[in-house]
């Protein structure tokens, strides 16, 4: 009965369905995919991050590293393990800060007094703020590297990003200002 059902979707056997469901098995990469999934899950749980955010942070670090290597090459500098170890040091500091804030958040979440509830909110906001700050810093570094790769001044793309941010903030501010004025006029 199950095979008949699967055949209606074009699967000729249970094996073809399972390979479609888990294609890493088809290529003999199941150990690698399971290992990465478990590792990301553990990191996500320990740091209090969603797996998607862990992957995004990992991608940001990789992109920053590779664009940094490319920018250094463009400047005529060789790859140095010293600079790479600086990257690892920075990443370690970010992870430790996020971990500590997550642990404080978990500790405050377990209490039931108003003090603990207030502490939970404060530490959660701090953790989210640090994660956002991580994103801003890595995007800034990637933009600096990309500008250098393109032969532009290091701050050119960063300045464009911040100008766009200032414009968006000003437009939002104007929208809220108009709403407040309309609400005041309606009274």
Foldseek 3Di string as FASTA:
>chain_A
DVCVVVVVVVQNDVVSVVCVVPVCVVVVNPVVVVVVVVVLVVLCVQLVHDSVLVVVLVVLLVLLVVLVCLLCVLVVHHDDVVVVVVSVVVVVVLSVVSNVLVVQLVVLVPDDDPVSVVSNVVSVVVNVVSSVVSVVVSVLSSQLSVCSNVVHHSCPSVVVVVVVVVVVVVVVVVVVVVVVVVVVVVD
